[in-house]
Amino acid sequence: MRFSREEIVWQEVPGEVSLAFTISGCPLACRGCHSADTWAPGQGSLLSPAYLQQRLQQYRGLITCVLFMGGEWQPDLLSARLQQVREAGLQTCLYTGLEDVSPALKPLLTYLKTGPWQAELGGLDSPNTNQRFVDLRTNQCLNHHFQ
């Protein structure tokens, strides 16, 4: 699993300070995607267990969540990284352009954002969006936090 961008974010997961990885190689290619530069597989840096562990230690006490922007197309690798984050005592989140993800991933996730980007409907900040941001612990839709 490779990532094109790594950053600390405050707005993508309500109430959390997240270490976010934009995963390379997305096969969805949604028209108008803001991350089209990351579609090529094999680009970016390797998100190895050792690299992730180093980042988790570096940000210990500063972050509360790790956000994966994509990666569901590599379920075994994503599951391993999610488990690593959970073992570190942090929340987990996945942003996907799919309508749903594998049932095997859901127990490893705290939050899940689903739905392909459709410019005419807007993102999570639009009342007309097709996307949903859900707290999987309660199945509560949290879209209202973005609007």
C-alpha atoms as a PDB file:
ATOM      1  CA  MET A   1       0.000   0.000   0.000  1.00  0.00           C
ATOM      2  CA  ARG A   2       1.374   3.387  -1.026  1.00  0.00           C
ATOM      3  CA  PHE A   3       0.344   6.940  -0.164  1.00  0.00           C
ATOM      4  CA  SER A   4       0.698  10.168  -2.080  1.00  0.00           C
ATOM      5  CA  ARG A   5      -0.012  12.617   0.749  1.00  0.00           C
ATOM      6  CA  GLU A   6       0.255  12.614   4.521  1.00  0.00           C
ATOM      7  CA  GLU A   7      -1.082  15.440   6.668  1.00  0.00           C
ATOM      8  CA  ILE A   8      -2.673  16.325   9.979  1.00  0.00           C
ATOM      9  CA  VAL A   9      -6.308  17.342   9.445  1.00  0.00           C
ATOM     10  CA  TRP A  10      -9.019  18.770  11.703  1.00  0.00           C
ATOM     11  CA  GLN A  11     -12.102  19.008   9.492  1.00  0.00           C
ATOM     12  CA  GLU A  12     -12.421  15.604   7.829  1.00  0.00           C
ATOM     13  CA  VAL A  13     -13.491  13.689  10.960  1.00  0.00           C
ATOM     14  CA  PRO A  14     -15.757  15.621  13.361  1.00  0.00           C
ATOM     15  CA  GLY A  15     -14.300  15.943  16.844  1.00  0.00           C
ATOM     16  CA  GLU A  16     -11.008  14.254  15.920  1.00  0.00           C
ATOM     17  CA  VAL A  17      -7.477  15.369  15.101  1.00  0.00           C
ATOM     18  CA  SER A  18      -6.493  12.962  12.351  1.00  0.00           C
ATOM     19  CA  LEU A  19      -3.353  11.774  10.675  1.00  0.00           C
ATOM     20  CA  ALA A  20      -4.560  11.414   7.084  1.00  0.00           C
ATOM     21  CA  PHE A  21      -3.041   9.287   4.336  1.00  0.00           C
ATOM     22  CA  THR A  22      -4.189   9.693   0.729  1.00  0.00           C
ATOM     23  CA  ILE A  23      -3.717   6.213  -0.695  1.00  0.00           C
ATOM     24  CA  SER A  24      -2.404   5.879  -4.253  1.00  0.00           C
ATOM     25  CA  GLY A  25      -4.007   3.821  -6.994  1.00  0.00           C
ATOM     26  CA  CYS A  26      -7.730   4.513  -6.680  1.00  0.00           C
ATOM     27  CA  PRO A  27      -9.516   2.584  -9.441  1.00  0.00           C
ATOM     28  CA  LEU A  28     -12.773   4.592  -9.233  1.00  0.00           C
ATOM     29  CA  ALA A  29     -11.596   7.655 -11.171  1.00  0.00           C
ATOM     30  CA  CYS A  30     -14.617   9.788 -10.218  1.00  0.00           C
ATOM     31  CA  ARG A  31     -15.091  12.693 -12.614  1.00  0.00           C
ATOM     32  CA  GLY A  32     -14.015  15.905 -10.877  1.00  0.00           C
ATOM     33  CA  CYS A  33     -12.041  14.126  -8.144  1.00  0.00           C
ATOM     34  CA  HIS A  34      -9.758  16.481  -6.188  1.00  0.00           C
ATOM     35  CA  SER A  35      -7.180  13.689  -5.870  1.00  0.00           C
ATOM     36  CA  ALA A  36      -6.916  12.605  -9.513  1.00  0.00           C
ATOM     37  CA  ASP A  37      -3.155  13.006  -9.242  1.00  0.00           C
ATOM     38  CA  THR A  38      -3.112   9.972  -6.915  1.00  0.00           C
ATOM     39  CA  TRP A  39      -4.852   7.522  -9.257  1.00  0.00           C
ATOM     40  CA  ALA A  40      -1.666   5.967 -10.640  1.00  0.00           C
ATOM     41  CA  PRO A  41      -0.843   2.791  -8.719  1.00  0.00           C
ATOM     42  CA  GLY A  42       2.679   2.470  -7.420  1.00  0.00           C
ATOM     43  CA  GLN A  43       3.311   6.173  -6.886  1.00  0.00           C
ATOM     44  CA  GLY A  44       4.163   7.751  -3.590  1.00  0.00           C
ATOM     45  CA  SER A  45       5.721   6.305  -0.464  1.00  0.00           C
ATOM     46  CA  LEU A  46       5.261   2.867   1.035  1.00  0.00           C
ATOM     47  CA  LEU A  47       2.922   2.808   4.032  1.00  0.00           C
ATOM     48  CA  SER A  48       4.724  -0.041   5.748  1.00  0.00           C
ATOM     49  CA  PRO A  49       3.880  -1.223   9.264  1.00  0.00           C
ATOM     50  CA  ALA A  50       7.192   0.238  10.479  1.00  0.00           C
ATOM     51  CA  TYR A  51       6.518   3.636   8.886  1.00  0.00           C
ATOM     52  CA  LEU A  52       2.996   3.790  10.334  1.00  0.00           C
ATOM     53  CA  GLN A  53       4.272   2.776  13.773  1.00  0.00           C
ATOM     54  CA  GLN A  54       6.900   5.517  13.661  1.00  0.00           C
ATOM     55  CA  ARG A  55       4.220   8.093  12.811  1.00  0.00           C
ATOM     56  CA  LEU A  56       1.882   6.828  15.538  1.00  0.00           C
ATOM     57  CA  GLN A  57       4.679   7.198  18.088  1.00  0.00           C
ATOM     58  CA  GLN A  58       5.680  10.619  16.754  1.00  0.00           C
ATOM     59  CA  TYR A  59       2.119  11.950  17.108  1.00  0.00           C
ATOM     60  CA  ARG A  60       1.209  10.119  20.332  1.00  0.00           C
ATOM     61  CA  GLY A  61      -0.964  12.382  22.457  1.00  0.00           C
ATOM     62  CA  LEU A  62      -1.542  14.785  19.559  1.00  0.00           C
ATOM     63  CA  ILE A  63      -3.820  12.788  17.232  1.00  0.00           C
ATOM     64  CA  THR A  64      -6.980  10.856  18.051  1.00  0.00           C
ATOM     65  CA  CYS A  65      -7.692   9.233  14.686  1.00  0.00           C
ATOM     66  CA  VAL A  66      -6.035   7.928  11.534  1.00  0.00           C
ATOM     67  CA  LEU A  67      -7.884   8.632   8.283  1.00  0.00           C
ATOM     68  CA  PHE A  68      -7.328   6.597   5.142  1.00  0.00           C
ATOM     69  CA  MET A  69      -8.489   8.378   2.016  1.00  0.00           C
ATOM     70  CA  GLY A  70      -8.926   5.263  -0.062  1.00  0.00           C
ATOM     71  CA  GLY A  71      -7.241   1.911   0.140  1.00  0.00           C
ATOM     72  CA  GLU A  72     -10.357  -0.281   0.217  1.00  0.00           C
ATOM     73  CA  TRP A  73      -9.236  -1.826  -3.092  1.00  0.00           C
ATOM     74  CA  GLN A  74      -6.415  -3.448  -1.067  1.00  0.00           C
ATOM     75  CA  PRO A  75      -8.532  -4.914   1.745  1.00  0.00           C
ATOM     76  CA  ASP A  76      -5.876  -7.151   3.292  1.00  0.00           C
ATOM     77  CA  LEU A  77      -3.292  -4.373   3.500  1.00  0.00           C
ATOM     78  CA  LEU A  78      -5.840  -1.819   4.694  1.00  0.00           C
ATOM     79  CA  SER A  79      -7.133  -4.234   7.347  1.00  0.00           C
ATOM     80  CA  ALA A  80      -3.627  -4.740   8.679  1.00  0.00           C
ATOM     81  CA  ARG A  81      -3.000  -0.990   8.938  1.00  0.00           C
ATOM     82  CA  LEU A  82      -6.407  -0.382  10.540  1.00  0.00           C
ATOM     83  CA  GLN A  83      -5.708  -3.088  13.116  1.00  0.00           C
ATOM     84  CA  GLN A  84      -2.344  -1.487  13.866  1.00  0.00           C
ATOM     85  CA  VAL A  85      -4.026   1.869  14.473  1.00  0.00           C
ATOM     86  CA  ARG A  86      -6.694   0.292  16.694  1.00  0.00           C
ATOM     87  CA  GLU A  87      -4.007  -1.463  18.739  1.00  0.00           C
ATOM     88  CA  ALA A  88      -2.447   1.966  19.308  1.00  0.00           C
ATOM     89  CA  GLY A  89      -5.748   3.059  20.891  1.00  0.00           C
ATOM     90  CA  LEU A  90      -6.806   5.447  18.131  1.00  0.00           C
ATOM     91  CA  GLN A  91     -10.010   5.881  16.158  1.00  0.00           C
ATOM     92  CA  THR A  92     -10.051   4.940  12.466  1.00  0.00           C
ATOM     93  CA  CYS A  93     -11.775   6.419   9.437  1.00  0.00           C
ATOM     94  CA  LEU A  94     -12.049   5.523   5.758  1.00  0.00           C
ATOM     95  CA  TYR A  95     -13.124   7.844   2.970  1.00  0.00           C
ATOM     96  CA  THR A  96     -14.318   5.839  -0.035  1.00  0.00           C
ATOM     97  CA  GLY A  97     -16.103   6.658  -3.252  1.00  0.00           C
ATOM     98  CA  LEU A  98     -17.977   3.367  -2.998  1.00  0.00           C
ATOM     99  CA  GLU A  99     -21.524   3.070  -1.660  1.00  0.00           C
ATOM    100  CA  ASP A 100     -20.298   0.570   0.943  1.00  0.00           C
ATOM    101  CA  VAL A 101     -17.208  -1.423   1.878  1.00  0.00           C
ATOM    102  CA  SER A 102     -16.448  -5.037   2.656  1.00  0.00           C
ATOM    103  CA  PRO A 103     -18.084  -6.297   5.863  1.00  0.00           C
ATOM    104  CA  ALA A 104     -14.607  -7.440   6.934  1.00  0.00           C
ATOM    105  CA  LEU A 105     -13.405  -3.801   7.086  1.00  0.00           C
ATOM    106  CA  LYS A 106     -16.277  -2.374   9.097  1.00  0.00           C
ATOM    107  CA  PRO A 107     -15.331  -3.806  12.520  1.00  0.00           C
ATOM    108  CA  LEU A 108     -11.942  -2.094  12.155  1.00  0.00           C
ATOM    109  CA  LEU A 109     -13.480   1.312  11.402  1.00  0.00           C
ATOM    110  CA  THR A 110     -14.863   3.948  13.739  1.00  0.00           C
ATOM    111  CA  TYR A 111     -16.050   6.246  10.944  1.00  0.00           C
ATOM    112  CA  LEU A 112     -16.889   5.690   7.286  1.00  0.00           C
ATOM    113  CA  LYS A 113     -17.512   8.227   4.516  1.00  0.00           C
ATOM    114  CA  THR A 114     -19.166   6.672   1.461  1.00  0.00           C
ATOM    115  CA  GLY A 115     -20.393   7.794  -1.934  1.00  0.00           C
ATOM    116  CA  PRO A 116     -18.733   8.796  -5.178  1.00  0.00           C
ATOM    117  CA  TRP A 117     -17.966  12.452  -5.845  1.00  0.00           C
ATOM    118  CA  GLN A 118     -20.723  13.998  -7.955  1.00  0.00           C
ATOM    119  CA  ALA A 119     -20.017  17.677  -8.563  1.00  0.00           C
ATOM    120  CA  GLU A 120     -23.682  18.536  -9.157  1.00  0.00           C
ATOM    121  CA  LEU A 121     -24.572  17.154  -5.692  1.00  0.00           C
ATOM    122  CA  GLY A 122     -21.564  18.519  -3.823  1.00  0.00           C
ATOM    123  CA  GLY A 123     -19.614  17.071  -0.944  1.00  0.00           C
ATOM    124  CA  LEU A 124     -20.429  16.582   2.710  1.00  0.00           C
ATOM    125  CA  ASP A 125     -20.965  20.321   3.130  1.00  0.00           C
ATOM    126  CA  SER A 126     -23.929  20.247   0.726  1.00  0.00           C
ATOM    127  CA  PRO A 127     -27.472  19.371   1.863  1.00  0.00           C
ATOM    128  CA  ASN A 128     -27.936  17.693  -1.548  1.00  0.00           C
ATOM    129  CA  THR A 129     -24.920  15.397  -1.339  1.00  0.00           C
ATOM    130  CA  ASN A 130     -25.088  11.702  -2.117  1.00  0.00           C
ATOM    131  CA  GLN A 131     -22.216  11.127   0.312  1.00  0.00           C
ATOM    132  CA  ARG A 132     -22.674   9.931   3.877  1.00  0.00           C
ATOM    133  CA  PHE A 133     -20.381  10.212   6.877  1.00  0.00           C
ATOM    134  CA  VAL A 134     -21.338   7.643   9.517  1.00  0.00           C
ATOM    135  CA  ASP A 135     -20.135   6.893  13.038  1.00  0.00           C
ATOM    136  CA  LEU A 136     -20.133   3.088  12.832  1.00  0.00           C
ATOM    137  CA  ARG A 137     -20.300   2.721  16.624  1.00  0.00           C
ATOM    138  CA  THR A 138     -23.833   4.166  16.598  1.00  0.00           C
ATOM    139  CA  ASN A 139     -24.732   4.074  12.868  1.00  0.00           C
ATOM    140  CA  GLN A 140     -25.489   7.795  13.196  1.00  0.00           C
ATOM    141  CA  CYS A 141     -25.074   9.921  10.087  1.00  0.00           C
ATOM    142  CA  LEU A 142     -22.863  12.894  10.938  1.00  0.00           C
ATOM    143  CA  ASN A 143     -23.313  14.919   7.733  1.00  0.00           C
ATOM    144  CA  HIS A 144     -24.790  17.792   9.737  1.00  0.00           C
ATOM    145  CA  HIS A 145     -21.318  18.455  11.211  1.00  0.00           C
ATOM    146  CA  PHE A 146     -20.066  19.456   7.750  1.00  0.00           C
ATOM    147  CA  GLN A 147     -22.930  21.809   6.824  1.00  0.00           C
END
